[in-house]
Structure formats: structure tokens, C-alpha cells
Amino acid sequence: MRRFFVLFVALFGLWGCSSVNVDHYRAQQPVLELRDYFNGTLDAWGMFQDRSGKVVKRFHVVIEARWEGEVGTLDERFTYADGSTQRRVWTITRLGEGRYTGRADDVVGEAIGEAAGNALRWRYVLALPVDDKVYNVDFDDWMFLMDDKVMLNRSLMSKWGFRLGEVTLSFVKRAPQ
């Protein structure tokens, strides 16, 4: 019985790791160039759903984004429906050929990004505080540029290959002032 359980967990873990490759979107338009889209002020509205699909959190994010050469800074200020706030500052480095790395205070190690066509895939581990504990959870984050102002984002959150929930966001780029 124990062998069956180990085999089941291993197969489930491998199944959970399989996904679409970002190259699948290479021909999709408009082409997402992070330095163009994440430049200036953006608004995003989002929600977190637990694994049953129940909406647990709703939020609005104001993002101030700027680039200096190949390095971008995204200063994200979250306001949740319950009135609480949070700030995350990303430092993103463009490596070329659609590859990026990213760092933030609550990201464990480095985020890895791949872009092709209208899509960007971010993979990273987030240190997520829950009650009095902090859990390191995996994020598989997909962004799709719809036009020059709107981008949609879907993130799957998991731990040890088990799906914990999903974050959905809609970004809207503000017109330059």
C-alpha cells in the first residue's frame, strides 16, 4: 500500500509539472515587450480563489514601472477589499531572447521569466504569510497582452505539486500624463 501511495504522489507531481511551453504563443500578436508595457503607471484588479473556486481575496494594485537599460523596477501597491495594504517591489532584468529574471523581498531566490509573442510565463517561489506562519509556495504565472493597454494574468499557486488556488488579474495601462 505504501508503494502505491509513493507511486501515486510521484505521478501526480509529474502531471502537475506538465504545461504548455511559452513558445506556443510565439506567433500571437501583439508582441509583449515588458519594457514597453511595464513603463509608467498601471492599474490591476484581481482576486485569489482557493482550490474549491471560492473567492477569498479581492484587490486593486497600482504599479509604478520604469526601466533603466535592461533593468526594470515595478513598485506594486496593493489595496485589499478588507482595507489592508501590501507593497512589493520587483527588480526585473532582461537577459535577451525573451528571457528575464526577477527579484522581490518576498520571492525566495529568483523568478524566471520567458516571453514569446503576446505571452510571458513567470515561475517563482513566494514566501506567503498565513496567520503566524510563512509558507513557500510555487507560482506558475502566465500573462497575455491583449492590446497596448490591457493584459490578463492567471497564476496557479501550488505546494509540492498540489494546487492551492489561483490568482486572476486584469492590468490596464494608464495614458501618459
N, C-alpha and C. Protein backbone atom coordinates (compact mmCIF):
# COMPACT_ATOMS: atom_id res chain seq x y z
N MET A 1 0.83 -1.19 0.00
CA MET A 1 0.00 0.00 0.00
C MET A 1 0.87 1.26 0.00
N ARG A 2 1.96 1.22 0.79
CA ARG A 2 2.83 2.39 0.87
C ARG A 2 3.47 2.65 -0.49
N ARG A 3 3.87 1.60 -1.20
CA ARG A 3 4.46 1.75 -2.52
C ARG A 3 3.47 2.40 -3.50
N PHE A 4 2.22 2.00 -3.42
CA PHE A 4 1.18 2.59 -4.27
C PHE A 4 1.04 4.08 -3.98
N PHE A 5 1.05 4.46 -2.72
CA PHE A 5 0.93 5.87 -2.34
C PHE A 5 2.10 6.68 -2.89
N VAL A 6 3.33 6.16 -2.75
CA VAL A 6 4.52 6.85 -3.25
C VAL A 6 4.45 7.00 -4.77
N LEU A 7 4.04 5.95 -5.46
CA LEU A 7 3.90 6.00 -6.91
C LEU A 7 2.84 7.03 -7.32
N PHE A 8 1.71 7.03 -6.62
CA PHE A 8 0.65 7.99 -6.91
C PHE A 8 1.13 9.43 -6.74
N VAL A 9 1.82 9.70 -5.64
CA VAL A 9 2.33 11.06 -5.38
C VAL A 9 3.35 11.44 -6.46
N ALA A 10 4.23 10.53 -6.84
CA ALA A 10 5.23 10.83 -7.88
C ALA A 10 4.56 11.12 -9.22
N LEU A 11 3.61 10.30 -9.62
CA LEU A 11 2.92 10.53 -10.89
C LEU A 11 2.10 11.82 -10.85
N PHE A 12 1.43 12.08 -9.74
CA PHE A 12 0.65 13.31 -9.61
C PHE A 12 1.57 14.53 -9.69
N GLY A 13 2.73 14.43 -9.05
CA GLY A 13 3.70 15.53 -9.09
C GLY A 13 4.19 15.78 -10.50
N LEU A 14 4.49 14.72 -11.26
CA LEU A 14 4.93 14.89 -12.64
C LEU A 14 3.81 15.47 -13.50
N TRP A 15 2.61 15.01 -13.31
CA TRP A 15 1.47 15.53 -14.05
C TRP A 15 1.27 17.01 -13.75
N GLY A 16 1.45 17.39 -12.49
CA GLY A 16 1.29 18.79 -12.10
C GLY A 16 2.34 19.69 -12.71
N CYS A 17 3.51 19.13 -13.08
CA CYS A 17 4.59 19.93 -13.65
C CYS A 17 4.42 20.15 -15.15
N SER A 18 3.63 19.31 -15.80
CA SER A 18 3.50 19.46 -17.24
C SER A 18 2.61 20.65 -17.55
N SER A 19 3.02 21.37 -18.62
CA SER A 19 2.23 22.53 -19.02
C SER A 19 2.61 22.94 -20.42
N VAL A 20 1.94 23.95 -20.92
CA VAL A 20 2.18 24.50 -22.24
C VAL A 20 3.51 25.25 -22.22
N ASN A 21 4.27 25.14 -23.29
CA ASN A 21 5.51 25.89 -23.44
C ASN A 21 5.19 27.28 -23.96
N VAL A 22 5.91 28.30 -23.49
CA VAL A 22 5.65 29.68 -23.91
C VAL A 22 5.84 29.86 -25.42
N ASP A 23 6.66 29.03 -26.04
CA ASP A 23 6.87 29.13 -27.49
C ASP A 23 5.59 28.88 -28.29
N HIS A 24 4.63 28.23 -27.67
CA HIS A 24 3.33 28.01 -28.32
C HIS A 24 2.70 29.33 -28.76
N TYR A 25 3.02 30.44 -28.08
CA TYR A 25 2.40 31.74 -28.34
C TYR A 25 3.28 32.65 -29.21
N ARG A 26 4.39 32.16 -29.72
CA ARG A 26 5.36 32.97 -30.46
C ARG A 26 4.72 33.78 -31.60
N ALA A 27 3.75 33.24 -32.29
CA ALA A 27 3.13 33.94 -33.44
C ALA A 27 1.99 34.87 -33.02
N GLN A 28 1.62 34.88 -31.75
CA GLN A 28 0.48 35.69 -31.30
C GLN A 28 0.84 37.18 -31.23
N GLN A 29 -0.13 37.99 -31.59
CA GLN A 29 0.02 39.44 -31.59
C GLN A 29 -0.95 40.04 -30.59
N PRO A 30 -0.70 41.20 -30.04
CA PRO A 30 0.52 41.98 -30.20
C PRO A 30 1.66 41.37 -29.40
N VAL A 31 2.89 41.63 -29.83
CA VAL A 31 4.06 41.09 -29.14
C VAL A 31 4.25 41.84 -27.82
N LEU A 32 4.44 41.07 -26.75
CA LEU A 32 4.66 41.64 -25.42
C LEU A 32 6.13 41.96 -25.24
N GLU A 33 6.43 43.23 -25.10
CA GLU A 33 7.77 43.70 -24.74
C GLU A 33 7.61 44.32 -23.36
N LEU A 34 8.18 43.69 -22.35
CA LEU A 34 7.98 44.16 -20.97
C LEU A 34 8.41 45.61 -20.78
N ARG A 35 9.49 46.04 -21.41
CA ARG A 35 9.96 47.42 -21.25
C ARG A 35 8.95 48.43 -21.79
N ASP A 36 8.15 48.03 -22.75
CA ASP A 36 7.13 48.93 -23.28
C ASP A 36 5.86 48.91 -22.43
N TYR A 37 5.40 47.69 -22.11
CA TYR A 37 4.13 47.60 -21.37
C TYR A 37 4.30 48.05 -19.91
N PHE A 38 5.30 47.52 -19.23
CA PHE A 38 5.53 47.91 -17.83
C PHE A 38 6.45 49.13 -17.80
N ASN A 39 5.88 50.25 -18.21
CA ASN A 39 6.58 51.52 -18.21
C ASN A 39 5.52 52.59 -17.97
N GLY A 40 5.60 53.27 -16.84
CA GLY A 40 4.59 54.24 -16.46
C GLY A 40 3.72 53.67 -15.35
N THR A 41 2.48 54.16 -15.28
CA THR A 41 1.56 53.74 -14.22
C THR A 41 0.52 52.79 -14.79
N LEU A 42 0.29 51.70 -14.04
CA LEU A 42 -0.72 50.72 -14.41
C LEU A 42 -1.63 50.46 -13.22
N ASP A 43 -2.86 50.09 -13.51
CA ASP A 43 -3.81 49.62 -12.50
C ASP A 43 -4.07 48.15 -12.79
N ALA A 44 -4.27 47.39 -11.74
CA ALA A 44 -4.65 45.98 -11.89
C ALA A 44 -5.70 45.65 -10.85
N TRP A 45 -6.67 44.85 -11.25
CA TRP A 45 -7.70 44.37 -10.35
C TRP A 45 -7.62 42.86 -10.35
N GLY A 46 -7.70 42.27 -9.17
CA GLY A 46 -7.52 40.84 -9.10
C GLY A 46 -8.27 40.19 -7.97
N MET A 47 -8.17 38.86 -7.98
CA MET A 47 -8.79 38.05 -6.92
C MET A 47 -8.00 36.77 -6.75
N PHE A 48 -8.06 36.24 -5.52
CA PHE A 48 -7.48 34.94 -5.23
C PHE A 48 -8.63 33.99 -4.95
N GLN A 49 -8.62 32.84 -5.63
CA GLN A 49 -9.61 31.79 -5.40
C GLN A 49 -8.89 30.58 -4.81
N ASP A 50 -9.50 30.00 -3.78
CA ASP A 50 -8.90 28.79 -3.21
C ASP A 50 -9.14 27.62 -4.16
N ARG A 51 -8.65 26.44 -3.80
CA ARG A 51 -8.74 25.30 -4.73
C ARG A 51 -10.17 24.86 -5.01
N SER A 52 -11.12 25.27 -4.17
CA SER A 52 -12.53 24.93 -4.44
C SER A 52 -13.17 25.92 -5.40
N GLY A 53 -12.47 27.04 -5.67
CA GLY A 53 -13.01 28.06 -6.57
C GLY A 53 -13.61 29.24 -5.83
N LYS A 54 -13.67 29.18 -4.51
CA LYS A 54 -14.24 30.27 -3.72
C LYS A 54 -13.30 31.48 -3.72
N VAL A 55 -13.84 32.67 -4.00
CA VAL A 55 -13.04 33.89 -3.96
C VAL A 55 -12.75 34.22 -2.50
N VAL A 56 -11.46 34.27 -2.16
CA VAL A 56 -11.03 34.50 -0.79
C VAL A 56 -10.56 35.94 -0.60
N LYS A 57 -9.92 36.51 -1.61
CA LYS A 57 -9.43 37.90 -1.54
C LYS A 57 -9.66 38.59 -2.86
N ARG A 58 -9.99 39.89 -2.76
CA ARG A 58 -10.08 40.76 -3.93
C ARG A 58 -9.17 41.94 -3.67
N PHE A 59 -8.59 42.50 -4.74
CA PHE A 59 -7.64 43.59 -4.53
C PHE A 59 -7.50 44.47 -5.77
N HIS A 60 -6.94 45.65 -5.52
CA HIS A 60 -6.56 46.59 -6.57
C HIS A 60 -5.07 46.87 -6.36
N VAL A 61 -4.32 46.99 -7.47
CA VAL A 61 -2.89 47.26 -7.40
C VAL A 61 -2.59 48.46 -8.29
N VAL A 62 -1.83 49.39 -7.76
CA VAL A 62 -1.28 50.48 -8.57
C VAL A 62 0.21 50.18 -8.73
N ILE A 63 0.66 50.16 -9.98
CA ILE A 63 2.04 49.81 -10.29
C ILE A 63 2.72 51.00 -10.95
N GLU A 64 3.82 51.41 -10.36
CA GLU A 64 4.69 52.43 -10.95
C GLU A 64 5.88 51.67 -11.53
N ALA A 65 6.04 51.74 -12.85
CA ALA A 65 7.08 50.95 -13.52
C ALA A 65 8.01 51.85 -14.32
N ARG A 66 9.29 51.52 -14.26
CA ARG A 66 10.29 52.27 -15.04
C ARG A 66 11.47 51.35 -15.36
N TRP A 67 12.19 51.70 -16.39
CA TRP A 67 13.34 50.92 -16.83
C TRP A 67 14.55 51.81 -16.98
N GLU A 68 15.69 51.27 -16.62
CA GLU A 68 16.98 51.89 -16.89
C GLU A 68 17.81 50.82 -17.60
N GLY A 69 17.90 50.96 -18.90
CA GLY A 69 18.60 49.95 -19.70
C GLY A 69 17.85 48.63 -19.65
N GLU A 70 18.53 47.60 -19.22
CA GLU A 70 17.95 46.25 -19.18
C GLU A 70 17.32 45.90 -17.83
N VAL A 71 17.26 46.86 -16.90
CA VAL A 71 16.73 46.60 -15.56
C VAL A 71 15.47 47.45 -15.32
N GLY A 72 14.40 46.77 -14.95
CA GLY A 72 13.14 47.44 -14.67
C GLY A 72 12.77 47.33 -13.21
N THR A 73 12.04 48.33 -12.72
CA THR A 73 11.52 48.32 -11.35
C THR A 73 10.01 48.45 -11.42
N LEU A 74 9.31 47.52 -10.79
CA LEU A 74 7.86 47.57 -10.68
C LEU A 74 7.52 47.73 -9.21
N ASP A 75 7.03 48.90 -8.85
CA ASP A 75 6.64 49.21 -7.47
C ASP A 75 5.14 48.99 -7.37
N GLU A 76 4.74 47.87 -6.75
CA GLU A 76 3.33 47.47 -6.68
C GLU A 76 2.76 47.80 -5.30
N ARG A 77 1.64 48.51 -5.29
CA ARG A 77 0.95 48.85 -4.04
C ARG A 77 -0.46 48.26 -4.08
N PHE A 78 -0.64 47.26 -3.22
CA PHE A 78 -1.90 46.51 -3.16
C PHE A 78 -2.84 47.13 -2.13
N THR A 79 -4.12 47.21 -2.46
CA THR A 79 -5.17 47.54 -1.50
C THR A 79 -6.21 46.42 -1.61
N TYR A 80 -6.42 45.71 -0.50
CA TYR A 80 -7.35 44.58 -0.48
C TYR A 80 -8.75 45.05 -0.10
N ALA A 81 -9.74 44.26 -0.45
CA ALA A 81 -11.14 44.61 -0.18
C ALA A 81 -11.40 44.83 1.30
N ASP A 82 -10.62 44.18 2.18
CA ASP A 82 -10.81 44.35 3.63
C ASP A 82 -10.10 45.60 4.16
N GLY A 83 -9.45 46.39 3.26
CA GLY A 83 -8.78 47.62 3.66
C GLY A 83 -7.29 47.45 3.95
N SER A 84 -6.81 46.23 4.05
CA SER A 84 -5.39 46.02 4.30
C SER A 84 -4.57 46.38 3.06
N THR A 85 -3.29 46.66 3.26
CA THR A 85 -2.41 47.04 2.16
C THR A 85 -1.14 46.22 2.18
N GLN A 86 -0.46 46.23 1.05
CA GLN A 86 0.80 45.50 0.91
C GLN A 86 1.60 46.17 -0.19
N ARG A 87 2.92 46.07 -0.10
CA ARG A 87 3.78 46.62 -1.15
C ARG A 87 4.79 45.56 -1.56
N ARG A 88 5.00 45.43 -2.85
CA ARG A 88 6.02 44.53 -3.39
C ARG A 88 6.77 45.31 -4.46
N VAL A 89 8.09 45.30 -4.41
CA VAL A 89 8.90 45.97 -5.42
C VAL A 89 9.71 44.90 -6.15
N TRP A 90 9.42 44.76 -7.44
CA TRP A 90 10.13 43.82 -8.29
C TRP A 90 11.30 44.53 -8.96
N THR A 91 12.42 43.85 -9.06
CA THR A 91 13.53 44.27 -9.92
C THR A 91 13.65 43.20 -10.99
N ILE A 92 13.43 43.61 -12.24
CA ILE A 92 13.41 42.67 -13.36
C ILE A 92 14.61 42.96 -14.26
N THR A 93 15.31 41.93 -14.64
CA THR A 93 16.45 42.06 -15.54
C THR A 93 16.15 41.34 -16.85
N ARG A 94 16.29 42.07 -17.94
CA ARG A 94 16.10 41.49 -19.27
C ARG A 94 17.41 40.85 -19.69
N LEU A 95 17.37 39.54 -19.96
CA LEU A 95 18.57 38.80 -20.33
C LEU A 95 18.73 38.68 -21.84
N GLY A 96 17.68 38.99 -22.58
CA GLY A 96 17.70 38.85 -24.03
C GLY A 96 16.98 37.60 -24.48
N GLU A 97 16.63 37.55 -25.75
CA GLU A 97 15.95 36.39 -26.35
C GLU A 97 14.71 35.98 -25.56
N GLY A 98 13.96 36.97 -25.04
CA GLY A 98 12.72 36.69 -24.34
C GLY A 98 12.89 36.14 -22.94
N ARG A 99 14.09 36.22 -22.37
CA ARG A 99 14.33 35.68 -21.04
C ARG A 99 14.52 36.81 -20.04
N TYR A 100 13.98 36.60 -18.84
CA TYR A 100 14.03 37.59 -17.76
C TYR A 100 14.29 36.90 -16.44
N THR A 101 14.83 37.65 -15.49
CA THR A 101 14.88 37.21 -14.10
C THR A 101 14.26 38.32 -13.26
N GLY A 102 13.77 37.95 -12.10
CA GLY A 102 13.15 38.94 -11.22
C GLY A 102 13.41 38.64 -9.77
N ARG A 103 13.44 39.69 -8.98
CA ARG A 103 13.62 39.56 -7.54
C ARG A 103 12.66 40.51 -6.82
N ALA A 104 12.20 40.08 -5.66
CA ALA A 104 11.38 40.90 -4.76
C ALA A 104 11.63 40.37 -3.35
N ASP A 105 11.34 41.20 -2.34
CA ASP A 105 11.63 40.82 -0.96
C ASP A 105 10.95 39.52 -0.54
N ASP A 106 9.74 39.27 -1.03
CA ASP A 106 9.03 38.06 -0.60
C ASP A 106 9.14 36.92 -1.61
N VAL A 107 10.01 37.06 -2.59
CA VAL A 107 10.28 35.99 -3.54
C VAL A 107 11.53 35.26 -3.07
N VAL A 108 11.42 33.94 -2.95
CA VAL A 108 12.53 33.12 -2.50
C VAL A 108 13.42 32.84 -3.71
N GLY A 109 14.65 33.32 -3.65
CA GLY A 109 15.55 33.14 -4.79
C GLY A 109 15.18 34.08 -5.92
N GLU A 110 15.14 33.54 -7.12
CA GLU A 110 14.95 34.37 -8.30
C GLU A 110 13.78 33.85 -9.12
N ALA A 111 12.96 34.78 -9.63
CA ALA A 111 11.89 34.42 -10.56
C ALA A 111 12.50 34.26 -11.94
N ILE A 112 11.99 33.30 -12.68
CA ILE A 112 12.46 33.04 -14.04
C ILE A 112 11.32 33.35 -14.99
N GLY A 113 11.60 34.19 -16.00
CA GLY A 113 10.58 34.57 -16.96
C GLY A 113 10.98 34.23 -18.38
N GLU A 114 9.97 33.81 -19.16
CA GLU A 114 10.15 33.53 -20.58
C GLU A 114 9.00 34.20 -21.32
N ALA A 115 9.34 34.96 -22.38
CA ALA A 115 8.33 35.63 -23.17
C ALA A 115 8.43 35.18 -24.62
N ALA A 116 7.27 35.06 -25.26
CA ALA A 116 7.20 34.77 -26.69
C ALA A 116 5.85 35.26 -27.18
N GLY A 117 5.84 35.98 -28.29
CA GLY A 117 4.59 36.51 -28.83
C GLY A 117 3.94 37.43 -27.82
N ASN A 118 2.67 37.16 -27.53
CA ASN A 118 1.93 38.01 -26.58
C ASN A 118 1.97 37.47 -25.15
N ALA A 119 2.78 36.46 -24.86
CA ALA A 119 2.74 35.77 -23.57
C ALA A 119 4.05 35.91 -22.80
N LEU A 120 3.90 35.91 -21.48
CA LEU A 120 5.02 35.85 -20.55
C LEU A 120 4.69 34.80 -19.50
N ARG A 121 5.64 33.95 -19.22
CA ARG A 121 5.48 32.97 -18.14
C ARG A 121 6.52 33.26 -17.07
N TRP A 122 6.04 33.51 -15.85
CA TRP A 122 6.91 33.69 -14.68
C TRP A 122 6.79 32.46 -13.81
N ARG A 123 7.90 31.98 -13.29
CA ARG A 123 7.88 30.89 -12.31
C ARG A 123 8.74 31.32 -11.14
N TYR A 124 8.17 31.20 -9.95
CA TYR A 124 8.90 31.64 -8.75
C TYR A 124 8.28 31.02 -7.51
N VAL A 125 9.01 31.17 -6.41
CA VAL A 125 8.54 30.72 -5.10
C VAL A 125 8.29 31.97 -4.27
N LEU A 126 7.10 32.08 -3.70
CA LEU A 126 6.71 33.23 -2.90
C LEU A 126 6.63 32.82 -1.43
N ALA A 127 7.22 33.62 -0.55
CA ALA A 127 7.10 33.41 0.89
C ALA A 127 5.77 34.04 1.31
N LEU A 128 4.77 33.21 1.55
CA LEU A 128 3.41 33.66 1.79
C LEU A 128 3.05 33.56 3.27
N PRO A 129 2.82 34.71 3.93
CA PRO A 129 2.43 34.65 5.35
C PRO A 129 0.95 34.25 5.48
N VAL A 130 0.71 33.27 6.32
CA VAL A 130 -0.65 32.83 6.63
C VAL A 130 -0.73 32.67 8.14
N ASP A 131 -1.58 33.48 8.77
CA ASP A 131 -1.67 33.52 10.23
C ASP A 131 -0.28 33.83 10.79
N ASP A 132 0.26 32.96 11.62
CA ASP A 132 1.57 33.24 12.22
C ASP A 132 2.71 32.46 11.57
N LYS A 133 2.47 31.89 10.39
CA LYS A 133 3.49 31.11 9.71
C LYS A 133 3.74 31.68 8.32
N VAL A 134 4.88 31.31 7.75
CA VAL A 134 5.21 31.68 6.37
C VAL A 134 5.42 30.39 5.59
N TYR A 135 4.71 30.26 4.47
CA TYR A 135 4.82 29.09 3.61
C TYR A 135 5.45 29.49 2.29
N ASN A 136 6.40 28.70 1.81
CA ASN A 136 6.98 28.92 0.50
C ASN A 136 6.12 28.16 -0.52
N VAL A 137 5.47 28.91 -1.41
CA VAL A 137 4.56 28.31 -2.39
C VAL A 137 5.04 28.63 -3.79
N ASP A 138 4.79 27.71 -4.70
CA ASP A 138 5.20 27.84 -6.10
C ASP A 138 4.13 28.59 -6.88
N PHE A 139 4.58 29.52 -7.71
CA PHE A 139 3.69 30.25 -8.62
C PHE A 139 4.07 29.94 -10.05
N ASP A 140 3.09 29.61 -10.86
CA ASP A 140 3.22 29.46 -12.30
C ASP A 140 2.32 30.53 -12.88
N ASP A 141 2.93 31.61 -13.31
CA ASP A 141 2.27 32.87 -13.60
C ASP A 141 2.29 33.13 -15.10
N TRP A 142 1.12 33.24 -15.73
CA TRP A 142 1.02 33.50 -17.17
C TRP A 142 0.36 34.85 -17.41
N MET A 143 0.99 35.67 -18.25
CA MET A 143 0.45 36.97 -18.63
C MET A 143 0.26 36.99 -20.14
N PHE A 144 -0.87 37.56 -20.58
CA PHE A 144 -1.19 37.63 -22.01
C PHE A 144 -1.57 39.06 -22.37
N LEU A 145 -0.81 39.67 -23.27
CA LEU A 145 -1.08 41.02 -23.73
C LEU A 145 -2.24 40.97 -24.72
N MET A 146 -3.29 41.73 -24.43
CA MET A 146 -4.48 41.74 -25.27
C MET A 146 -4.42 42.87 -26.31
N ASP A 147 -3.96 44.03 -25.87
CA ASP A 147 -3.72 45.18 -26.74
C ASP A 147 -2.72 46.08 -26.04
N ASP A 148 -2.52 47.31 -26.52
CA ASP A 148 -1.47 48.14 -25.93
C ASP A 148 -1.79 48.62 -24.52
N LYS A 149 -3.02 48.42 -24.04
CA LYS A 149 -3.41 48.87 -22.70
C LYS A 149 -3.76 47.73 -21.74
N VAL A 150 -4.27 46.62 -22.24
CA VAL A 150 -4.82 45.56 -21.38
C VAL A 150 -3.98 44.29 -21.44
N MET A 151 -3.70 43.75 -20.25
CA MET A 151 -3.04 42.46 -20.14
C MET A 151 -3.79 41.63 -19.10
N LEU A 152 -3.96 40.35 -19.38
CA LEU A 152 -4.61 39.43 -18.45
C LEU A 152 -3.57 38.51 -17.85
N ASN A 153 -3.79 38.14 -16.59
CA ASN A 153 -2.82 37.34 -15.84
C ASN A 153 -3.55 36.24 -15.08
N ARG A 154 -3.00 35.03 -15.18
CA ARG A 154 -3.54 33.89 -14.43
C ARG A 154 -2.37 33.18 -13.77
N SER A 155 -2.43 33.04 -12.46
CA SER A 155 -1.36 32.40 -11.70
C SER A 155 -1.89 31.20 -10.95
N LEU A 156 -1.23 30.07 -11.12
CA LEU A 156 -1.58 28.89 -10.34
C LEU A 156 -0.61 28.78 -9.19
N MET A 157 -1.14 28.60 -8.00
CA MET A 157 -0.34 28.50 -6.80
C MET A 157 -0.39 27.05 -6.31
N SER A 158 0.81 26.49 -6.00
CA SER A 158 0.85 25.10 -5.57
C SER A 158 1.94 24.90 -4.53
N LYS A 159 1.85 23.77 -3.86
CA LYS A 159 2.86 23.36 -2.89
C LYS A 159 3.05 21.85 -3.08
N TRP A 160 4.30 21.42 -3.29
CA TRP A 160 4.61 20.01 -3.53
C TRP A 160 3.80 19.43 -4.68
N GLY A 161 3.49 20.25 -5.68
CA GLY A 161 2.73 19.78 -6.84
C GLY A 161 1.23 19.78 -6.66
N PHE A 162 0.74 20.13 -5.47
CA PHE A 162 -0.70 20.16 -5.22
C PHE A 162 -1.22 21.58 -5.38
N ARG A 163 -2.25 21.74 -6.16
CA ARG A 163 -2.84 23.05 -6.43
C ARG A 163 -3.50 23.60 -5.17
N LEU A 164 -3.11 24.84 -4.81
CA LEU A 164 -3.69 25.50 -3.64
C LEU A 164 -4.74 26.53 -4.02
N GLY A 165 -4.57 27.13 -5.19
CA GLY A 165 -5.50 28.17 -5.60
C GLY A 165 -5.01 28.86 -6.85
N GLU A 166 -5.70 29.95 -7.18
CA GLU A 166 -5.44 30.66 -8.42
C GLU A 166 -5.63 32.16 -8.22
N VAL A 167 -4.75 32.95 -8.82
CA VAL A 167 -4.87 34.40 -8.81
C VAL A 167 -5.18 34.83 -10.23
N THR A 168 -6.17 35.69 -10.39
CA THR A 168 -6.55 36.24 -11.69
C THR A 168 -6.43 37.75 -11.60
N LEU A 169 -5.78 38.36 -12.60
CA LEU A 169 -5.59 39.81 -12.63
C LEU A 169 -5.90 40.36 -14.01
N SER A 170 -6.36 41.59 -14.03
CA SER A 170 -6.53 42.35 -15.26
C SER A 170 -5.76 43.65 -15.11
N PHE A 171 -4.73 43.83 -15.95
CA PHE A 171 -3.91 45.05 -15.93
C PHE A 171 -4.44 46.04 -16.96
N VAL A 172 -4.44 47.31 -16.60
CA VAL A 172 -4.80 48.37 -17.53
C VAL A 172 -3.73 49.45 -17.42
N LYS A 173 -3.10 49.76 -18.54
CA LYS A 173 -2.05 50.77 -18.56
C LYS A 173 -2.69 52.15 -18.68
N ARG A 174 -2.32 53.05 -17.77
CA ARG A 174 -2.83 54.42 -17.82
C ARG A 174 -2.18 55.19 -18.96
N ALA A 175 -2.92 56.14 -19.49
CA ALA A 175 -2.36 57.02 -20.52
C ALA A 175 -1.29 57.89 -19.89
N PRO A 176 -0.20 58.16 -20.62
CA PRO A 176 0.85 59.03 -20.06
C PRO A 176 0.29 60.40 -19.72
N GLN A 177 0.79 60.98 -18.64
CA GLN A 177 0.31 62.31 -18.19
C GLN A 177 1.13 63.40 -18.79
